Structure formats: structure tokens, C-alpha cells
C-alpha atoms as a PDB file:
ATOM      1  CA  UNK A   1      61.441  70.616  52.457  1.00  0.00           C
ATOM      2  CA  UNK A   2      59.184  74.056  51.439  1.00  0.00           C
ATOM      3  CA  UNK A   3      59.725  76.080  54.908  1.00  0.00           C
ATOM      4  CA  UNK A   4      61.902  78.527  54.684  1.00  0.00           C
ATOM      5  CA  UNK A   5      63.689  78.077  58.273  1.00  0.00           C
ATOM      6  CA  UNK A   6      65.134  75.097  58.881  1.00  0.00           C
ATOM      7  CA  UNK A   7      65.621  75.201  62.929  1.00  0.00           C
ATOM      8  CA  UNK A   8      68.671  72.562  63.559  1.00  0.00           C
ATOM      9  CA  UNK A   9      70.708  72.147  67.189  1.00  0.00           C
ATOM     10  CA  UNK A  10      73.065  73.892  65.236  1.00  0.00           C
ATOM     11  CA  UNK A  11      71.459  77.577  64.244  1.00  0.00           C
ATOM     12  CA  UNK A  12      68.567  78.688  61.851  1.00  0.00           C
ATOM     13  CA  UNK A  13      69.896  76.902  58.262  1.00  0.00           C
ATOM     14  CA  UNK A  14      68.517  78.843  55.372  1.00  0.00           C
ATOM     15  CA  UNK A  15      66.806  77.295  51.722  1.00  0.00           C
ATOM     16  CA  UNK A  16      70.643  78.555  50.568  1.00  0.00           C
ATOM     17  CA  UNK A  17      72.684  76.862  53.151  1.00  0.00           C
ATOM     18  CA  UNK A  18      73.324  80.516  54.459  1.00  0.00           C
ATOM     19  CA  UNK A  19      73.134  80.891  58.436  1.00  0.00           C
ATOM     20  CA  UNK A  20      71.214  82.468  61.195  1.00  0.00           C
ATOM     21  CA  UNK A  21      73.004  82.585  64.010  1.00  0.00           C
ATOM     22  CA  UNK A  22      73.070  80.152  66.338  1.00  0.00           C
ATOM     23  CA  UNK A  23      70.030  80.711  68.673  1.00  0.00           C
ATOM     24  CA  UNK A  24      66.480  82.139  68.415  1.00  0.00           C
ATOM     25  CA  UNK A  25      66.801  85.989  68.855  1.00  0.00           C
ATOM     26  CA  UNK A  26      70.323  86.646  67.329  1.00  0.00           C
ATOM     27  CA  UNK A  27      69.940  86.667  64.075  1.00  0.00           C
ATOM     28  CA  UNK A  28      70.550  90.299  62.186  1.00  0.00           C
ATOM     29  CA  UNK A  29      69.502  93.244  63.802  1.00  0.00           C
ATOM     30  CA  UNK A  30      69.062  91.310  67.092  1.00  0.00           C
ATOM     31  CA  UNK A  31      71.436  93.203  69.154  1.00  0.00           C
ATOM     32  CA  UNK A  32      70.701  96.826  67.733  1.00  0.00           C
ATOM     33  CA  UNK A  33      66.810  96.183  68.812  1.00  0.00           C
ATOM     34  CA  UNK A  34      67.734  94.891  71.857  1.00  0.00           C
ATOM     35  CA  UNK A  35      70.610  98.236  73.060  1.00  0.00           C
ATOM     36  CA  UNK A  36      68.008 100.188  71.271  1.00  0.00           C
ATOM     37  CA  UNK A  37      65.321  98.788  73.860  1.00  0.00           C
ATOM     38  CA  UNK A  38      67.304  99.142  76.954  1.00  0.00           C
ATOM     39  CA  UNK A  39      68.195 103.393  75.992  1.00  0.00           C
ATOM     40  CA  UNK A  40      64.159 104.102  75.540  1.00  0.00           C
ATOM     41  CA  UNK A  41      63.799 101.366  79.367  1.00  0.00           C
ATOM     42  CA  UNK A  42      66.963 103.476  80.734  1.00  0.00           C
ATOM     43  CA  UNK A  43      64.933 106.529  79.497  1.00  0.00           C
ATOM     44  CA  UNK A  44      63.303 109.372  82.291  1.00  0.00           C
ATOM     45  CA  UNK A  45      59.437 109.146  82.048  1.00  0.00           C
ATOM     46  CA  UNK A  46      59.324 112.158  81.390  1.00  0.00           C
ATOM     47  CA  UNK A  47      61.783 111.173  77.919  1.00  0.00           C
ATOM     48  CA  UNK A  48      59.433 108.356  77.833  1.00  0.00           C
ATOM     49  CA  UNK A  49      56.534 110.601  77.419  1.00  0.00           C
ATOM     50  CA  UNK A  50      58.439 112.753  74.987  1.00  0.00           C
ATOM     51  CA  UNK A  51      59.243 109.794  72.337  1.00  0.00           C
ATOM     52  CA  UNK A  52      55.563 108.855  72.595  1.00  0.00           C
ATOM     53  CA  UNK A  53      54.520 111.820  72.096  1.00  0.00           C
ATOM     54  CA  UNK A  54      56.903 112.493  68.906  1.00  0.00           C
ATOM     55  CA  UNK A  55      55.984 108.966  67.436  1.00  0.00           C
ATOM     56  CA  UNK A  56      52.664 109.826  67.905  1.00  0.00           C
ATOM     57  CA  UNK A  57      51.803 107.017  70.594  1.00  0.00           C
ATOM     58  CA  UNK A  58      50.013 109.442  72.517  1.00  0.00           C
ATOM     59  CA  UNK A  59      48.385 112.000  71.990  1.00  0.00           C
END
């Protein structure tokens, strides 16, 4: 099969037999991204504005 990932009931199998977690979104780095996102969402409005400005998302 030419697909790089094959979805199965047990999780996502890679072509070489490796495993990528047990469900969509549970792969490597997902928990880190989720934690970071929750931290950003919990910032005050002023802190969010400052972060956006520092990241160049707003002028």
C-alpha cells in the first residue's frame, strides 16, 4: 500500500511497523502542544496582546 500511514482500530501504524499512538492527536508532541496552548489561553488579555505583538502577529 502506498499510503504512509494506515489507520487501524489499535492506532496509527507507520509503514515500517512503528506506532504513532492510540488515537488521532495522541502522537509525539501532541501533549506538549496541548499544554502550551492551554497556558496561552489562560493568559490575561494584556499578556495575550503582548505575546501577539512580540510574535509579530499584530502591529
